């Protein structure tokens, strides 16, 4: 492999790594952002849920919780 091929290979590797890190950061950011905003502990479960979804229909949430 010539010196120029090694340089191109290293640049390609670095660009790929930067793109991968950017994609992961975007994915993580999209998990925590959105129109629903704040989260809360889901009542009766060991997980989190969007507060706006619960406040929209709390009786429906508990009805569905009992049916599962």
C-alpha atoms as a PDB file:
ATOM      1  CA  UNK A   1       0.000   0.000   0.000  1.00  0.00           C
ATOM      2  CA  UNK A   2       1.420   3.365  -0.946  1.00  0.00           C
ATOM      3  CA  UNK A   3       1.506   6.355   1.386  1.00  0.00           C
ATOM      4  CA  UNK A   4      -1.345   8.032  -0.468  1.00  0.00           C
ATOM      5  CA  UNK A   5      -3.547   4.922  -0.118  1.00  0.00           C
ATOM      6  CA  UNK A   6      -2.830   4.795   3.624  1.00  0.00           C
ATOM      7  CA  UNK A   7      -3.772   8.475   3.995  1.00  0.00           C
ATOM      8  CA  UNK A   8      -7.024   7.935   2.112  1.00  0.00           C
ATOM      9  CA  UNK A   9      -7.795   4.861   4.212  1.00  0.00           C
ATOM     10  CA  UNK A  10      -7.210   6.743   7.480  1.00  0.00           C
ATOM     11  CA  UNK A  11      -9.331   9.680   6.327  1.00  0.00           C
ATOM     12  CA  UNK A  12     -12.149   7.330   5.351  1.00  0.00           C
ATOM     13  CA  UNK A  13     -11.947   5.631   8.738  1.00  0.00           C
ATOM     14  CA  UNK A  14     -12.034   8.951  10.619  1.00  0.00           C
ATOM     15  CA  UNK A  15     -14.946  10.285   8.556  1.00  0.00           C
ATOM     16  CA  UNK A  16     -16.857   7.046   9.168  1.00  0.00           C
ATOM     17  CA  UNK A  17     -16.207   7.217  12.898  1.00  0.00           C
ATOM     18  CA  UNK A  18     -17.344  10.850  13.084  1.00  0.00           C
ATOM     19  CA  UNK A  19     -20.486  10.033  11.119  1.00  0.00           C
ATOM     20  CA  UNK A  20     -21.212   7.101  13.441  1.00  0.00           C
ATOM     21  CA  UNK A  21     -20.802   9.209  16.569  1.00  0.00           C
ATOM     22  CA  UNK A  22     -23.040  11.899  15.076  1.00  0.00           C
ATOM     23  CA  UNK A  23     -25.729   9.321  14.249  1.00  0.00           C
ATOM     24  CA  UNK A  24     -25.661   7.917  17.782  1.00  0.00           C
ATOM     25  CA  UNK A  25     -25.826  11.416  19.304  1.00  0.00           C
ATOM     26  CA  UNK A  26     -28.781  12.285  17.077  1.00  0.00           C
ATOM     27  CA  UNK A  27     -30.569   9.084  18.076  1.00  0.00           C
ATOM     28  CA  UNK A  28     -30.064   9.720  21.774  1.00  0.00           C
ATOM     29  CA  UNK A  29     -31.187  13.326  21.431  1.00  0.00           C
ATOM     30  CA  UNK A  30     -34.328  12.283  19.572  1.00  0.00           C
ATOM     31  CA  UNK A  31     -35.243   9.912  22.407  1.00  0.00           C
ATOM     32  CA  UNK A  32     -35.252  12.727  24.934  1.00  0.00           C
ATOM     33  CA  UNK A  33     -36.805  15.429  22.808  1.00  0.00           C
ATOM     34  CA  UNK A  34     -40.140  15.600  21.132  1.00  0.00           C
ATOM     35  CA  UNK A  35     -43.516  17.188  21.372  1.00  0.00           C
ATOM     36  CA  UNK A  36     -44.432  15.324  24.560  1.00  0.00           C
ATOM     37  CA  UNK A  37     -41.476  16.725  26.481  1.00  0.00           C
ATOM     38  CA  UNK A  38     -41.375  15.704  30.132  1.00  0.00           C
ATOM     39  CA  UNK A  39     -41.523  12.130  31.346  1.00  0.00           C
ATOM     40  CA  UNK A  40     -42.779  10.554  34.539  1.00  0.00           C
ATOM     41  CA  UNK A  41     -42.676   7.146  36.201  1.00  0.00           C
ATOM     42  CA  UNK A  42     -45.495   5.110  34.734  1.00  0.00           C
ATOM     43  CA  UNK A  43     -48.005   4.305  37.491  1.00  0.00           C
ATOM     44  CA  UNK A  44     -48.107   0.579  38.216  1.00  0.00           C
ATOM     45  CA  UNK A  45     -45.054  -0.138  36.055  1.00  0.00           C
ATOM     46  CA  UNK A  46     -41.300   0.016  36.401  1.00  0.00           C
ATOM     47  CA  UNK A  47     -40.731   2.301  33.401  1.00  0.00           C
ATOM     48  CA  UNK A  48     -41.113   5.903  32.264  1.00  0.00           C
ATOM     49  CA  UNK A  49     -43.717   7.456  30.007  1.00  0.00           C
ATOM     50  CA  UNK A  50     -44.499  10.845  28.523  1.00  0.00           C
ATOM     51  CA  UNK A  51     -46.485  12.960  30.972  1.00  0.00           C
ATOM     52  CA  UNK A  52     -48.610  14.523  28.205  1.00  0.00           C
ATOM     53  CA  UNK A  53     -49.782  11.077  27.063  1.00  0.00           C
ATOM     54  CA  UNK A  54     -50.878  10.196  30.592  1.00  0.00           C
ATOM     55  CA  UNK A  55     -52.590  13.543  31.229  1.00  0.00           C
ATOM     56  CA  UNK A  56     -54.490  13.258  27.953  1.00  0.00           C
ATOM     57  CA  UNK A  57     -56.395  10.164  29.169  1.00  0.00           C
ATOM     58  CA  UNK A  58     -55.507   8.939  32.695  1.00  0.00           C
ATOM     59  CA  UNK A  59     -58.606   6.741  33.063  1.00  0.00           C
ATOM     60  CA  UNK A  60     -57.812   5.033  29.753  1.00  0.00           C
ATOM     61  CA  UNK A  61     -54.258   4.394  30.945  1.00  0.00           C
ATOM     62  CA  UNK A  62     -55.464   2.615  34.090  1.00  0.00           C
ATOM     63  CA  UNK A  63     -58.140   0.709  32.162  1.00  0.00           C
ATOM     64  CA  UNK A  64     -55.494  -0.581  29.746  1.00  0.00           C
ATOM     65  CA  UNK A  65     -53.128  -1.368  32.629  1.00  0.00           C
ATOM     66  CA  UNK A  66     -55.699  -3.679  34.261  1.00  0.00           C
ATOM     67  CA  UNK A  67     -56.483  -5.433  30.964  1.00  0.00           C
ATOM     68  CA  UNK A  68     -52.879  -6.521  30.349  1.00  0.00           C
END
